[in-house]
Amino acid sequence: MKEKTTSGIKYETEKITMTPYKRRKWRSTAIGLAVFFGAFSWLYTYRFNAFKFWISVAFCWTIIIPIVMGFYAIIDAIMAPEEMFENYFD
């Protein structure tokens, strides 16, 4: 704490250190995205699921693969370990 004076008035200042705000990911959001958007929900956790997302995009011209990947995205979001969401920061 430093003491400063301005026009005869004494006041104390303290140094405030700013830490960057980290936004964690939530399992409920991942499940909701998987239900509504299927394989595109893997964009929410892209660093862990980039390979799965690009495989589903590569085969999007078929009919069966997007349906299967959509169900797999829901199962993957439900079964993912909680540490993945807790430690995933942007």
N, C-alpha and C. Protein backbone atom coordinates (compact mmCIF):
# COMPACT_ATOMS: atom_id res chain seq x y z
N MET A 1 0.83 -1.17 0.00
CA MET A 1 0.00 0.00 0.00
C MET A 1 0.89 1.24 0.00
N LYS A 2 0.53 2.14 -0.85
CA LYS A 2 1.27 3.40 -0.92
C LYS A 2 0.36 4.52 -0.46
N GLU A 3 0.98 5.48 0.18
CA GLU A 3 0.23 6.63 0.64
C GLU A 3 0.50 7.79 -0.30
N LYS A 4 -0.55 8.40 -0.81
CA LYS A 4 -0.40 9.52 -1.73
C LYS A 4 -1.17 10.71 -1.17
N THR A 5 -0.75 11.86 -1.60
CA THR A 5 -1.48 13.07 -1.19
C THR A 5 -1.88 13.84 -2.43
N THR A 6 -3.07 14.34 -2.40
CA THR A 6 -3.56 15.20 -3.47
C THR A 6 -4.27 16.37 -2.81
N SER A 7 -3.76 17.52 -3.02
CA SER A 7 -4.30 18.75 -2.45
C SER A 7 -4.59 18.62 -0.96
N GLY A 8 -3.62 18.03 -0.26
CA GLY A 8 -3.72 17.94 1.18
C GLY A 8 -4.50 16.75 1.70
N ILE A 9 -5.14 15.96 0.82
CA ILE A 9 -5.92 14.80 1.26
C ILE A 9 -5.06 13.55 1.08
N LYS A 10 -4.92 12.79 2.16
CA LYS A 10 -4.13 11.56 2.08
C LYS A 10 -5.04 10.39 1.76
N TYR A 11 -4.59 9.55 0.88
CA TYR A 11 -5.32 8.33 0.57
C TYR A 11 -4.34 7.23 0.24
N GLU A 12 -4.79 6.01 0.40
CA GLU A 12 -3.93 4.85 0.16
C GLU A 12 -4.33 4.17 -1.14
N THR A 13 -3.33 3.72 -1.85
CA THR A 13 -3.58 2.96 -3.08
C THR A 13 -2.98 1.57 -2.92
N GLU A 14 -3.56 0.63 -3.54
CA GLU A 14 -2.98 -0.71 -3.55
C GLU A 14 -2.91 -1.21 -4.98
N LYS A 15 -1.90 -2.01 -5.22
CA LYS A 15 -1.70 -2.56 -6.56
C LYS A 15 -2.64 -3.74 -6.76
N ILE A 16 -3.41 -3.70 -7.81
CA ILE A 16 -4.34 -4.78 -8.13
C ILE A 16 -3.77 -5.54 -9.31
N THR A 17 -3.59 -6.83 -9.13
CA THR A 17 -3.09 -7.65 -10.23
C THR A 17 -4.27 -8.30 -10.92
N MET A 18 -4.27 -8.24 -12.21
CA MET A 18 -5.36 -8.81 -13.00
C MET A 18 -4.96 -10.20 -13.47
N THR A 19 -5.82 -11.15 -13.25
CA THR A 19 -5.61 -12.49 -13.78
C THR A 19 -6.63 -12.72 -14.89
N PRO A 20 -6.23 -13.36 -15.96
CA PRO A 20 -7.18 -13.59 -17.04
C PRO A 20 -8.31 -14.50 -16.59
N TYR A 21 -9.50 -14.17 -17.02
CA TYR A 21 -10.68 -14.97 -16.68
C TYR A 21 -10.70 -16.20 -17.56
N LYS A 22 -10.85 -17.34 -16.94
CA LYS A 22 -10.88 -18.60 -17.69
C LYS A 22 -12.30 -19.13 -17.71
N ARG A 23 -12.80 -19.36 -18.90
CA ARG A 23 -14.16 -19.90 -19.05
C ARG A 23 -14.06 -21.40 -19.26
N ARG A 24 -14.61 -22.15 -18.33
CA ARG A 24 -14.60 -23.61 -18.48
C ARG A 24 -15.78 -24.04 -19.33
N LYS A 25 -15.73 -25.25 -19.79
CA LYS A 25 -16.82 -25.83 -20.58
C LYS A 25 -17.74 -26.62 -19.65
N TRP A 26 -18.99 -26.76 -20.04
CA TRP A 26 -19.98 -27.45 -19.23
C TRP A 26 -20.52 -28.65 -19.98
N ARG A 27 -20.69 -29.76 -19.25
CA ARG A 27 -21.21 -30.99 -19.83
C ARG A 27 -22.64 -30.79 -20.34
N SER A 28 -23.45 -30.05 -19.61
CA SER A 28 -24.85 -29.85 -20.02
C SER A 28 -24.93 -29.10 -21.35
N THR A 29 -24.03 -28.16 -21.56
CA THR A 29 -23.99 -27.45 -22.84
C THR A 29 -23.57 -28.38 -23.96
N ALA A 30 -22.58 -29.23 -23.70
CA ALA A 30 -22.12 -30.18 -24.71
C ALA A 30 -23.23 -31.16 -25.08
N ILE A 31 -24.00 -31.62 -24.10
CA ILE A 31 -25.10 -32.55 -24.39
C ILE A 31 -26.19 -31.85 -25.18
N GLY A 32 -26.54 -30.63 -24.79
CA GLY A 32 -27.55 -29.87 -25.53
C GLY A 32 -27.15 -29.62 -26.96
N LEU A 33 -25.91 -29.25 -27.18
CA LEU A 33 -25.43 -29.04 -28.55
C LEU A 33 -25.46 -30.34 -29.34
N ALA A 34 -25.10 -31.45 -28.70
CA ALA A 34 -25.13 -32.74 -29.41
C ALA A 34 -26.54 -33.14 -29.79
N VAL A 35 -27.51 -32.86 -28.93
CA VAL A 35 -28.89 -33.21 -29.23
C VAL A 35 -29.41 -32.38 -30.40
N PHE A 36 -29.13 -31.09 -30.40
CA PHE A 36 -29.68 -30.20 -31.42
C PHE A 36 -28.85 -30.11 -32.70
N PHE A 37 -27.53 -30.27 -32.60
CA PHE A 37 -26.67 -30.06 -33.78
C PHE A 37 -25.85 -31.28 -34.17
N GLY A 38 -25.96 -32.36 -33.44
CA GLY A 38 -25.26 -33.59 -33.81
C GLY A 38 -23.76 -33.44 -33.75
N ALA A 39 -23.11 -33.83 -34.83
CA ALA A 39 -21.65 -33.83 -34.86
C ALA A 39 -21.04 -32.44 -34.77
N PHE A 40 -21.81 -31.41 -35.05
CA PHE A 40 -21.28 -30.05 -34.94
C PHE A 40 -21.06 -29.65 -33.49
N SER A 41 -21.55 -30.42 -32.55
CA SER A 41 -21.30 -30.13 -31.13
C SER A 41 -19.83 -30.33 -30.78
N TRP A 42 -19.10 -31.07 -31.59
CA TRP A 42 -17.68 -31.26 -31.32
C TRP A 42 -16.88 -29.99 -31.53
N LEU A 43 -17.46 -28.99 -32.13
CA LEU A 43 -16.77 -27.70 -32.24
C LEU A 43 -16.67 -27.01 -30.88
N TYR A 44 -17.55 -27.36 -29.95
CA TYR A 44 -17.54 -26.79 -28.61
C TYR A 44 -16.25 -27.15 -27.87
N THR A 45 -15.77 -28.36 -28.08
CA THR A 45 -14.50 -28.80 -27.48
C THR A 45 -13.57 -29.23 -28.62
N TYR A 46 -13.28 -28.31 -29.50
CA TYR A 46 -12.56 -28.61 -30.74
C TYR A 46 -11.17 -29.18 -30.49
N ARG A 47 -10.46 -28.69 -29.48
CA ARG A 47 -9.09 -29.17 -29.26
C ARG A 47 -9.05 -30.66 -28.97
N PHE A 48 -10.08 -31.20 -28.31
CA PHE A 48 -10.12 -32.63 -28.01
C PHE A 48 -10.81 -33.44 -29.10
N ASN A 49 -11.71 -32.82 -29.85
CA ASN A 49 -12.56 -33.57 -30.78
C ASN A 49 -12.43 -33.14 -32.23
N ALA A 50 -11.34 -32.56 -32.61
CA ALA A 50 -11.16 -32.09 -33.99
C ALA A 50 -11.22 -33.25 -34.98
N PHE A 51 -10.58 -34.35 -34.65
CA PHE A 51 -10.55 -35.49 -35.57
C PHE A 51 -11.96 -36.03 -35.81
N LYS A 52 -12.76 -36.15 -34.76
CA LYS A 52 -14.12 -36.66 -34.90
C LYS A 52 -14.96 -35.71 -35.76
N PHE A 53 -14.78 -34.41 -35.54
CA PHE A 53 -15.54 -33.44 -36.32
C PHE A 53 -15.20 -33.53 -37.80
N TRP A 54 -13.92 -33.58 -38.14
CA TRP A 54 -13.53 -33.59 -39.55
C TRP A 54 -13.91 -34.90 -40.24
N ILE A 55 -13.92 -36.01 -39.52
CA ILE A 55 -14.40 -37.27 -40.09
C ILE A 55 -15.88 -37.15 -40.42
N SER A 56 -16.66 -36.57 -39.53
CA SER A 56 -18.10 -36.43 -39.80
C SER A 56 -18.35 -35.45 -40.95
N VAL A 57 -17.53 -34.43 -41.10
CA VAL A 57 -17.68 -33.49 -42.22
C VAL A 57 -17.29 -34.18 -43.53
N ALA A 58 -16.25 -35.01 -43.49
CA ALA A 58 -15.79 -35.68 -44.71
C ALA A 58 -16.85 -36.63 -45.27
N PHE A 59 -17.64 -37.22 -44.39
CA PHE A 59 -18.65 -38.18 -44.84
C PHE A 59 -20.07 -37.63 -44.75
N CYS A 60 -20.22 -36.32 -44.75
CA CYS A 60 -21.56 -35.74 -44.62
C CYS A 60 -22.42 -35.96 -45.86
N TRP A 61 -21.84 -36.33 -46.98
CA TRP A 61 -22.60 -36.54 -48.21
C TRP A 61 -23.37 -37.86 -48.18
N THR A 62 -23.02 -38.76 -47.25
CA THR A 62 -23.77 -40.00 -47.12
C THR A 62 -24.97 -39.77 -46.21
N ILE A 63 -25.84 -40.73 -46.10
CA ILE A 63 -27.02 -40.57 -45.25
C ILE A 63 -26.81 -41.21 -43.88
N ILE A 64 -26.19 -42.35 -43.86
CA ILE A 64 -26.07 -43.11 -42.62
C ILE A 64 -25.02 -42.51 -41.68
N ILE A 65 -23.88 -42.10 -42.21
CA ILE A 65 -22.78 -41.62 -41.37
C ILE A 65 -23.17 -40.41 -40.52
N PRO A 66 -23.83 -39.37 -41.06
CA PRO A 66 -24.21 -38.24 -40.19
C PRO A 66 -25.18 -38.63 -39.07
N ILE A 67 -26.07 -39.56 -39.34
CA ILE A 67 -26.99 -40.01 -38.30
C ILE A 67 -26.23 -40.75 -37.20
N VAL A 68 -25.33 -41.64 -37.62
CA VAL A 68 -24.52 -42.39 -36.66
C VAL A 68 -23.63 -41.45 -35.86
N MET A 69 -22.98 -40.49 -36.54
CA MET A 69 -22.11 -39.55 -35.85
C MET A 69 -22.90 -38.63 -34.92
N GLY A 70 -24.13 -38.33 -35.25
CA GLY A 70 -24.97 -37.53 -34.36
C GLY A 70 -25.26 -38.26 -33.06
N PHE A 71 -25.62 -39.56 -33.17
CA PHE A 71 -25.83 -40.35 -31.96
C PHE A 71 -24.53 -40.53 -31.18
N TYR A 72 -23.43 -40.70 -31.91
CA TYR A 72 -22.14 -40.84 -31.25
C TYR A 72 -21.75 -39.56 -30.52
N ALA A 73 -22.10 -38.40 -31.07
CA ALA A 73 -21.80 -37.13 -30.41
C ALA A 73 -22.55 -37.02 -29.08
N ILE A 74 -23.80 -37.47 -29.05
CA ILE A 74 -24.57 -37.45 -27.81
C ILE A 74 -23.95 -38.38 -26.78
N ILE A 75 -23.62 -39.59 -27.20
CA ILE A 75 -23.01 -40.56 -26.28
C ILE A 75 -21.65 -40.07 -25.81
N ASP A 76 -20.89 -39.49 -26.71
CA ASP A 76 -19.56 -38.98 -26.36
C ASP A 76 -19.65 -37.85 -25.34
N ALA A 77 -20.62 -36.95 -25.48
CA ALA A 77 -20.79 -35.85 -24.53
C ALA A 77 -21.22 -36.36 -23.16
N ILE A 78 -22.05 -37.39 -23.14
CA ILE A 78 -22.50 -37.94 -21.87
C ILE A 78 -21.38 -38.70 -21.16
N MET A 79 -20.60 -39.46 -21.91
CA MET A 79 -19.57 -40.33 -21.32
C MET A 79 -18.22 -39.66 -21.13
N ALA A 80 -18.03 -38.44 -21.59
CA ALA A 80 -16.74 -37.76 -21.46
C ALA A 80 -16.43 -37.53 -19.98
N PRO A 81 -15.16 -37.67 -19.60
CA PRO A 81 -14.81 -37.45 -18.19
C PRO A 81 -15.00 -35.98 -17.81
N GLU A 82 -15.38 -35.73 -16.58
CA GLU A 82 -15.64 -34.37 -16.11
C GLU A 82 -14.37 -33.51 -16.16
N GLU A 83 -13.20 -34.15 -16.03
CA GLU A 83 -11.94 -33.40 -16.09
C GLU A 83 -11.75 -32.73 -17.44
N MET A 84 -12.29 -33.33 -18.48
CA MET A 84 -12.16 -32.72 -19.80
C MET A 84 -12.85 -31.36 -19.83
N PHE A 85 -14.00 -31.26 -19.21
CA PHE A 85 -14.73 -29.99 -19.20
C PHE A 85 -14.13 -29.01 -18.19
N GLU A 86 -13.65 -29.51 -17.05
CA GLU A 86 -13.08 -28.64 -16.03
C GLU A 86 -11.77 -28.02 -16.49
N ASN A 87 -10.97 -28.77 -17.23
CA ASN A 87 -9.64 -28.30 -17.62
C ASN A 87 -9.60 -27.72 -19.02
N TYR A 88 -10.72 -27.58 -19.66
CA TYR A 88 -10.75 -27.04 -21.03
C TYR A 88 -11.00 -25.54 -20.94
N PHE A 89 -9.98 -24.77 -21.25
CA PHE A 89 -10.12 -23.31 -21.22
C PHE A 89 -9.82 -22.76 -22.60
N ASP A 90 -10.54 -21.72 -22.96
CA ASP A 90 -10.31 -21.06 -24.27
C ASP A 90 -9.01 -20.31 -24.23
